[in-house]
Amino acid sequence: MSIEKFDLAKVQQFFEESLFEDEDVKIDAYITAYLELYKFFTAMGSVFGFVSSDIKSKVDILEELRKTDIEKYFSVKSMMDHERDTDLLEKKHFVSGSRTLLRLHRGLDFLRDFLRRLSELDGEENTCAACRLAYNETLAHFHPWLIQKGALMAMYAMPTKNNLLNRVCADPEKAVLILPDMLQVTDQVYDRVHALYTVYDLHGLS
């Protein structure tokens, strides 16, 4: 079965479209960008199993919430307002969009860190160390020891930069050129979402 390739240009496009007003992020465009990022994780196979296994289910939850009330789940800010004002954050048996998005937000921190480190490598350098450093700086803080151990062990199978890009990208040469701009807008999206979790005091959602 052929693997669907990852397109950095699409990630950049949809993250740019997600920027809303001065400090908000539109959920639909964020989800669309994330589905493109999901292709990156799945193309890497079991190496990123600790991330990809969770992404699709979280995206599906947010899409279902948007179907129930597009206005309330239009943006990250409107979602947080709605769930806070109606006490949905603590409601039993309700899957909170704010809690769900937080998992994707943490995953995005790992991916942008890894891709930034990747951009600094020579083509024939192995990507294992860059991936391990990115993981230890981000997602490892939220994973129990057993998952951390499994993730770090899986990273020993990471290929060289050139081999990785050839495996996951439809056009590796174009990807290298696009990566800096894609990371710039990804940082903007990440920073906006992170700031909203700080303002609404929701970083501790478990």
C-alpha atoms as a PDB file:
ATOM      1  CA  MET A   1       0.000   0.000   0.000  1.00  0.00           C
ATOM      2  CA  SER A   2       1.440   3.395  -1.000  1.00  0.00           C
ATOM      3  CA  ILE A   3       2.029   5.997   1.690  1.00  0.00           C
ATOM      4  CA  GLU A   4       0.420   9.400   1.224  1.00  0.00           C
ATOM      5  CA  LYS A   5       3.190  11.986   1.151  1.00  0.00           C
ATOM      6  CA  PHE A   6       3.434  15.021   3.403  1.00  0.00           C
ATOM      7  CA  ASP A   7       3.139  18.500   1.837  1.00  0.00           C
ATOM      8  CA  LEU A   8       4.795  21.326   3.783  1.00  0.00           C
ATOM      9  CA  ALA A   9       3.207  23.935   1.510  1.00  0.00           C
ATOM     10  CA  LYS A  10      -0.262  22.790   2.548  1.00  0.00           C
ATOM     11  CA  VAL A  11       0.661  22.955   6.225  1.00  0.00           C
ATOM     12  CA  GLN A  12       1.919  26.494   5.721  1.00  0.00           C
ATOM     13  CA  GLN A  13      -1.199  27.492   3.771  1.00  0.00           C
ATOM     14  CA  PHE A  14      -3.704  26.164   6.296  1.00  0.00           C
ATOM     15  CA  PHE A  15      -1.845  27.480   9.321  1.00  0.00           C
ATOM     16  CA  GLU A  16      -1.768  30.912   7.658  1.00  0.00           C
ATOM     17  CA  GLU A  17      -5.521  30.630   7.065  1.00  0.00           C
ATOM     18  CA  SER A  18      -6.054  29.669  10.705  1.00  0.00           C
ATOM     19  CA  LEU A  19      -4.720  32.974  12.037  1.00  0.00           C
ATOM     20  CA  PHE A  20      -7.771  34.957  13.130  1.00  0.00           C
ATOM     21  CA  GLU A  21      -7.882  38.548  14.342  1.00  0.00           C
ATOM     22  CA  ASP A  22      -4.913  39.561  16.500  1.00  0.00           C
ATOM     23  CA  GLU A  23      -4.632  36.627  18.884  1.00  0.00           C
ATOM     24  CA  ASP A  24      -7.005  33.823  17.892  1.00  0.00           C
ATOM     25  CA  VAL A  25      -6.842  30.668  15.745  1.00  0.00           C
ATOM     26  CA  LYS A  26      -9.640  29.178  13.606  1.00  0.00           C
ATOM     27  CA  ILE A  27     -10.200  25.551  14.487  1.00  0.00           C
ATOM     28  CA  ASP A  28     -11.196  24.272  11.025  1.00  0.00           C
ATOM     29  CA  ALA A  29      -7.999  25.460   9.313  1.00  0.00           C
ATOM     30  CA  TYR A  30      -5.922  24.283  12.292  1.00  0.00           C
ATOM     31  CA  ILE A  31      -7.435  20.809  11.966  1.00  0.00           C
ATOM     32  CA  THR A  32      -6.807  20.734   8.207  1.00  0.00           C
ATOM     33  CA  ALA A  33      -3.151  21.665   8.724  1.00  0.00           C
ATOM     34  CA  TYR A  34      -2.857  19.015  11.403  1.00  0.00           C
ATOM     35  CA  LEU A  35      -4.278  16.319   9.126  1.00  0.00           C
ATOM     36  CA  GLU A  36      -1.450  17.126   6.724  1.00  0.00           C
ATOM     37  CA  LEU A  37       1.044  16.839   9.590  1.00  0.00           C
ATOM     38  CA  TYR A  38      -0.519  13.485  10.415  1.00  0.00           C
ATOM     39  CA  LYS A  39       0.764  12.205   7.064  1.00  0.00           C
ATOM     40  CA  PHE A  40       4.294  12.955   8.264  1.00  0.00           C
ATOM     41  CA  PHE A  41       3.840  10.816  11.356  1.00  0.00           C
ATOM     42  CA  THR A  42       2.176   7.929   9.521  1.00  0.00           C
ATOM     43  CA  ALA A  43       4.831   7.952   6.788  1.00  0.00           C
ATOM     44  CA  MET A  44       7.443   7.379   9.485  1.00  0.00           C
ATOM     45  CA  GLY A  45       5.650   4.232  10.592  1.00  0.00           C
ATOM     46  CA  SER A  46       6.294   2.813  14.047  1.00  0.00           C
ATOM     47  CA  VAL A  47       9.016   5.371  14.808  1.00  0.00           C
ATOM     48  CA  PHE A  48       6.379   8.000  15.544  1.00  0.00           C
ATOM     49  CA  GLY A  49       3.724   5.593  16.744  1.00  0.00           C
ATOM     50  CA  PHE A  50       3.745   7.304  20.144  1.00  0.00           C
ATOM     51  CA  VAL A  51       2.364  10.439  18.459  1.00  0.00           C
ATOM     52  CA  SER A  52       0.379   9.300  15.411  1.00  0.00           C
ATOM     53  CA  SER A  53      -1.783   6.854  17.363  1.00  0.00           C
ATOM     54  CA  ASP A  54      -3.287   9.764  19.270  1.00  0.00           C
ATOM     55  CA  ILE A  55      -3.542  12.468  16.613  1.00  0.00           C
ATOM     56  CA  LYS A  56      -6.365  11.091  14.480  1.00  0.00           C
ATOM     57  CA  SER A  57      -8.663  10.439  17.442  1.00  0.00           C
ATOM     58  CA  LYS A  58      -8.130  13.973  18.770  1.00  0.00           C
ATOM     59  CA  VAL A  59      -8.808  15.530  15.365  1.00  0.00           C
ATOM     60  CA  ASP A  60     -11.973  13.433  15.028  1.00  0.00           C
ATOM     61  CA  ILE A  61     -13.209  14.698  18.410  1.00  0.00           C
ATOM     62  CA  LEU A  62     -12.723  18.337  17.407  1.00  0.00           C
ATOM     63  CA  GLU A  63     -14.461  17.769  14.078  1.00  0.00           C
ATOM     64  CA  GLU A  64     -17.454  16.220  15.852  1.00  0.00           C
ATOM     65  CA  LEU A  65     -17.654  19.130  18.290  1.00  0.00           C
ATOM     66  CA  ARG A  66     -17.631  21.574  15.380  1.00  0.00           C
ATOM     67  CA  LYS A  67     -20.547  19.697  13.825  1.00  0.00           C
ATOM     68  CA  THR A  68     -22.580  20.103  17.018  1.00  0.00           C
ATOM     69  CA  ASP A  69     -22.035  23.871  17.201  1.00  0.00           C
ATOM     70  CA  ILE A  70     -19.938  25.555  14.518  1.00  0.00           C
ATOM     71  CA  GLU A  71     -20.269  29.000  16.115  1.00  0.00           C
ATOM     72  CA  LYS A  72     -19.063  27.909  19.561  1.00  0.00           C
ATOM     73  CA  TYR A  73     -16.243  25.860  18.051  1.00  0.00           C
ATOM     74  CA  PHE A  74     -15.268  28.358  15.360  1.00  0.00           C
ATOM     75  CA  SER A  75     -12.018  29.391  17.029  1.00  0.00           C
ATOM     76  CA  VAL A  76      -9.876  28.413  19.981  1.00  0.00           C
ATOM     77  CA  LYS A  77     -11.020  31.461  21.929  1.00  0.00           C
ATOM     78  CA  SER A  78     -14.733  30.895  21.266  1.00  0.00           C
ATOM     79  CA  MET A  79     -14.328  27.235  22.268  1.00  0.00           C
ATOM     80  CA  MET A  80     -12.619  28.104  25.536  1.00  0.00           C
ATOM     81  CA  ASP A  81     -15.217  30.767  26.325  1.00  0.00           C
ATOM     82  CA  HIS A  82     -18.035  28.325  25.654  1.00  0.00           C
ATOM     83  CA  GLU A  83     -16.604  25.415  27.629  1.00  0.00           C
ATOM     84  CA  ARG A  84     -15.603  27.602  30.560  1.00  0.00           C
ATOM     85  CA  ASP A  85     -18.877  29.524  30.764  1.00  0.00           C
ATOM     86  CA  THR A  86     -21.021  26.369  30.587  1.00  0.00           C
ATOM     87  CA  ASP A  87     -18.849  24.328  32.998  1.00  0.00           C
ATOM     88  CA  LEU A  88     -18.118  21.767  30.284  1.00  0.00           C
ATOM     89  CA  LEU A  89     -14.460  21.558  31.270  1.00  0.00           C
ATOM     90  CA  GLU A  90     -15.367  19.576  34.379  1.00  0.00           C
ATOM     91  CA  LYS A  91     -18.498  17.826  33.126  1.00  0.00           C
ATOM     92  CA  LYS A  92     -18.363  14.052  33.494  1.00  0.00           C
ATOM     93  CA  HIS A  93     -18.546  11.985  30.295  1.00  0.00           C
ATOM     94  CA  PHE A  94     -18.063  15.118  28.147  1.00  0.00           C
ATOM     95  CA  VAL A  95     -14.961  15.125  25.955  1.00  0.00           C
ATOM     96  CA  SER A  96     -13.755  18.710  26.168  1.00  0.00           C
ATOM     97  CA  GLY A  97     -12.466  20.375  23.024  1.00  0.00           C
ATOM     98  CA  SER A  98     -10.052  22.457  25.091  1.00  0.00           C
ATOM     99  CA  ARG A  99      -8.587  19.329  26.673  1.00  0.00           C
ATOM    100  CA  THR A 100      -8.425  17.584  23.291  1.00  0.00           C
ATOM    101  CA  LEU A 101      -6.725  20.512  21.555  1.00  0.00           C
ATOM    102  CA  LEU A 102      -4.127  20.665  24.324  1.00  0.00           C
ATOM    103  CA  ARG A 103      -2.865  17.212  23.282  1.00  0.00           C
ATOM    104  CA  LEU A 104      -2.514  18.360  19.664  1.00  0.00           C
ATOM    105  CA  HIS A 105      -0.844  21.563  20.840  1.00  0.00           C
ATOM    106  CA  ARG A 106       1.801  19.579  22.710  1.00  0.00           C
ATOM    107  CA  GLY A 107       2.344  17.359  19.677  1.00  0.00           C
ATOM    108  CA  LEU A 108       2.838  20.433  17.511  1.00  0.00           C
ATOM    109  CA  ASP A 109       5.533  21.680  19.878  1.00  0.00           C
ATOM    110  CA  PHE A 110       7.444  18.435  19.377  1.00  0.00           C
ATOM    111  CA  LEU A 111       7.079  18.469  15.606  1.00  0.00           C
ATOM    112  CA  ARG A 112       8.149  22.086  15.119  1.00  0.00           C
ATOM    113  CA  ASP A 113      11.164  21.525  17.390  1.00  0.00           C
ATOM    114  CA  PHE A 114      12.152  18.391  15.481  1.00  0.00           C
ATOM    115  CA  LEU A 115      11.693  19.995  12.051  1.00  0.00           C
ATOM    116  CA  ARG A 116      13.744  23.005  13.141  1.00  0.00           C
ATOM    117  CA  ARG A 117      16.573  20.729  14.269  1.00  0.00           C
ATOM    118  CA  LEU A 118      16.173  18.730  11.058  1.00  0.00           C
ATOM    119  CA  SER A 119      16.622  21.879   8.959  1.00  0.00           C
ATOM    120  CA  GLU A 120      20.032  22.431  10.572  1.00  0.00           C
ATOM    121  CA  LEU A 121      21.387  18.981   9.657  1.00  0.00           C
ATOM    122  CA  ASP A 122      23.459  18.055   6.622  1.00  0.00           C
ATOM    123  CA  GLY A 123      21.782  15.691   4.180  1.00  0.00           C
ATOM    124  CA  GLU A 124      23.700  12.591   5.250  1.00  0.00           C
ATOM    125  CA  GLU A 125      23.447  13.219   9.005  1.00  0.00           C
ATOM    126  CA  ASN A 126      21.286  10.845  11.013  1.00  0.00           C
ATOM    127  CA  THR A 127      18.124  12.361  12.475  1.00  0.00           C
ATOM    128  CA  CYS A 128      17.998  10.244  15.643  1.00  0.00           C
ATOM    129  CA  ALA A 129      19.749  12.730  17.950  1.00  0.00           C
ATOM    130  CA  ALA A 130      17.652  15.651  16.684  1.00  0.00           C
ATOM    131  CA  CYS A 131      14.462  13.685  17.252  1.00  0.00           C
ATOM    132  CA  ARG A 132      15.497  12.557  20.740  1.00  0.00           C
ATOM    133  CA  LEU A 133      16.420  16.097  21.768  1.00  0.00           C
ATOM    134  CA  ALA A 134      13.126  17.475  20.450  1.00  0.00           C
ATOM    135  CA  TYR A 135      11.167  14.755  22.242  1.00  0.00           C
ATOM    136  CA  ASN A 136      12.988  15.244  25.550  1.00  0.00           C
ATOM    137  CA  GLU A 137      12.371  18.997  25.384  1.00  0.00           C
ATOM    138  CA  THR A 138       8.648  18.658  24.653  1.00  0.00           C
ATOM    139  CA  LEU A 139       6.422  15.576  24.763  1.00  0.00           C
ATOM    140  CA  ALA A 140       8.552  13.606  27.209  1.00  0.00           C
ATOM    141  CA  HIS A 141       7.350  15.942  29.971  1.00  0.00           C
ATOM    142  CA  PHE A 142       3.813  14.592  29.519  1.00  0.00           C
ATOM    143  CA  HIS A 143       4.511  10.899  28.924  1.00  0.00           C
ATOM    144  CA  PRO A 144       4.906   8.189  31.570  1.00  0.00           C
ATOM    145  CA  TRP A 145       8.274   6.456  31.779  1.00  0.00           C
ATOM    146  CA  LEU A 146       7.282   3.386  29.760  1.00  0.00           C
ATOM    147  CA  ILE A 147       6.102   5.465  26.799  1.00  0.00           C
ATOM    148  CA  GLN A 148       9.239   7.604  26.996  1.00  0.00           C
ATOM    149  CA  LYS A 149      11.431   4.508  26.930  1.00  0.00           C
ATOM    150  CA  GLY A 150       9.571   3.014  23.966  1.00  0.00           C
ATOM    151  CA  ALA A 151       9.646   6.278  22.020  1.00  0.00           C
ATOM    152  CA  LEU A 152      13.363   6.833  22.566  1.00  0.00           C
ATOM    153  CA  MET A 153      14.160   3.240  21.592  1.00  0.00           C
ATOM    154  CA  ALA A 154      12.123   3.581  18.381  1.00  0.00           C
ATOM    155  CA  MET A 155      14.110   6.670  17.429  1.00  0.00           C
ATOM    156  CA  TYR A 156      17.263   4.597  16.961  1.00  0.00           C
ATOM    157  CA  ALA A 157      15.680   3.512  13.666  1.00  0.00           C
ATOM    158  CA  MET A 158      15.571   7.095  12.368  1.00  0.00           C
ATOM    159  CA  PRO A 159      17.160   7.553   8.905  1.00  0.00           C
ATOM    160  CA  THR A 160      19.438  10.283   7.552  1.00  0.00           C
ATOM    161  CA  LYS A 161      17.918  13.664   6.752  1.00  0.00           C
ATOM    162  CA  ASN A 162      17.878  12.984   2.996  1.00  0.00           C
ATOM    163  CA  ASN A 163      16.315   9.555   3.418  1.00  0.00           C
ATOM    164  CA  LEU A 164      13.687  10.914   5.781  1.00  0.00           C
ATOM    165  CA  LEU A 165      12.686  13.711   3.400  1.00  0.00           C
ATOM    166  CA  ASN A 166      12.551  11.285   0.477  1.00  0.00           C
ATOM    167  CA  ARG A 167      10.331   8.967   2.487  1.00  0.00           C
ATOM    168  CA  VAL A 168       7.794  11.504   3.744  1.00  0.00           C
ATOM    169  CA  CYS A 169       7.793  14.410   1.255  1.00  0.00           C
ATOM    170  CA  ALA A 170       6.335  14.488  -2.239  1.00  0.00           C
ATOM    171  CA  ASP A 171       9.045  16.970  -3.311  1.00  0.00           C
ATOM    172  CA  PRO A 172      12.039  16.875  -0.912  1.00  0.00           C
ATOM    173  CA  GLU A 173      13.929  19.746  -2.584  1.00  0.00           C
ATOM    174  CA  LYS A 174      10.887  22.004  -2.416  1.00  0.00           C
ATOM    175  CA  ALA A 175      10.320  20.963   1.200  1.00  0.00           C
ATOM    176  CA  VAL A 176      13.790  22.179   2.190  1.00  0.00           C
ATOM    177  CA  LEU A 177      13.070  25.587   0.637  1.00  0.00           C
ATOM    178  CA  ILE A 178       9.614  25.912   2.204  1.00  0.00           C
ATOM    179  CA  LEU A 179      10.540  24.684   5.676  1.00  0.00           C
ATOM    180  CA  PRO A 180      11.719  28.038   7.170  1.00  0.00           C
ATOM    181  CA  ASP A 181       8.497  29.852   6.187  1.00  0.00           C
ATOM    182  CA  MET A 182       6.366  26.903   7.278  1.00  0.00           C
ATOM    183  CA  LEU A 183       8.071  26.906  10.684  1.00  0.00           C
ATOM    184  CA  GLN A 184       7.571  30.651  11.017  1.00  0.00           C
ATOM    185  CA  VAL A 185       3.790  30.453  10.639  1.00  0.00           C
ATOM    186  CA  THR A 186       3.687  27.280  12.736  1.00  0.00           C
ATOM    187  CA  ASP A 187       5.387  29.231  15.523  1.00  0.00           C
ATOM    188  CA  GLN A 188       2.763  31.970  15.205  1.00  0.00           C
ATOM    189  CA  VAL A 189      -0.064  29.458  15.525  1.00  0.00           C
ATOM    190  CA  TYR A 190       1.615  27.641  18.391  1.00  0.00           C
ATOM    191  CA  ASP A 191       2.310  30.877  20.288  1.00  0.00           C
ATOM    192  CA  ARG A 192      -1.276  32.093  19.905  1.00  0.00           C
ATOM    193  CA  VAL A 193      -2.751  28.825  21.134  1.00  0.00           C
ATOM    194  CA  HIS A 194      -0.246  28.638  23.991  1.00  0.00           C
ATOM    195  CA  ALA A 195      -1.073  32.196  25.055  1.00  0.00           C
ATOM    196  CA  LEU A 196      -4.798  31.387  25.116  1.00  0.00           C
ATOM    197  CA  TYR A 197      -4.198  28.362  27.347  1.00  0.00           C
ATOM    198  CA  THR A 198      -2.259  30.690  29.646  1.00  0.00           C
ATOM    199  CA  VAL A 199      -4.941  33.400  29.677  1.00  0.00           C
ATOM    200  CA  TYR A 200      -7.694  30.855  30.392  1.00  0.00           C
ATOM    201  CA  ASP A 201      -5.447  28.970  32.855  1.00  0.00           C
ATOM    202  CA  LEU A 202      -5.990  25.648  31.074  1.00  0.00           C
ATOM    203  CA  HIS A 203      -2.464  24.248  30.754  1.00  0.00           C
ATOM    204  CA  GLY A 204      -3.218  21.881  33.620  1.00  0.00           C
ATOM    205  CA  LEU A 205      -6.120  20.085  31.933  1.00  0.00           C
ATOM    206  CA  SER A 206      -5.545  16.372  32.363  1.00  0.00           C
END
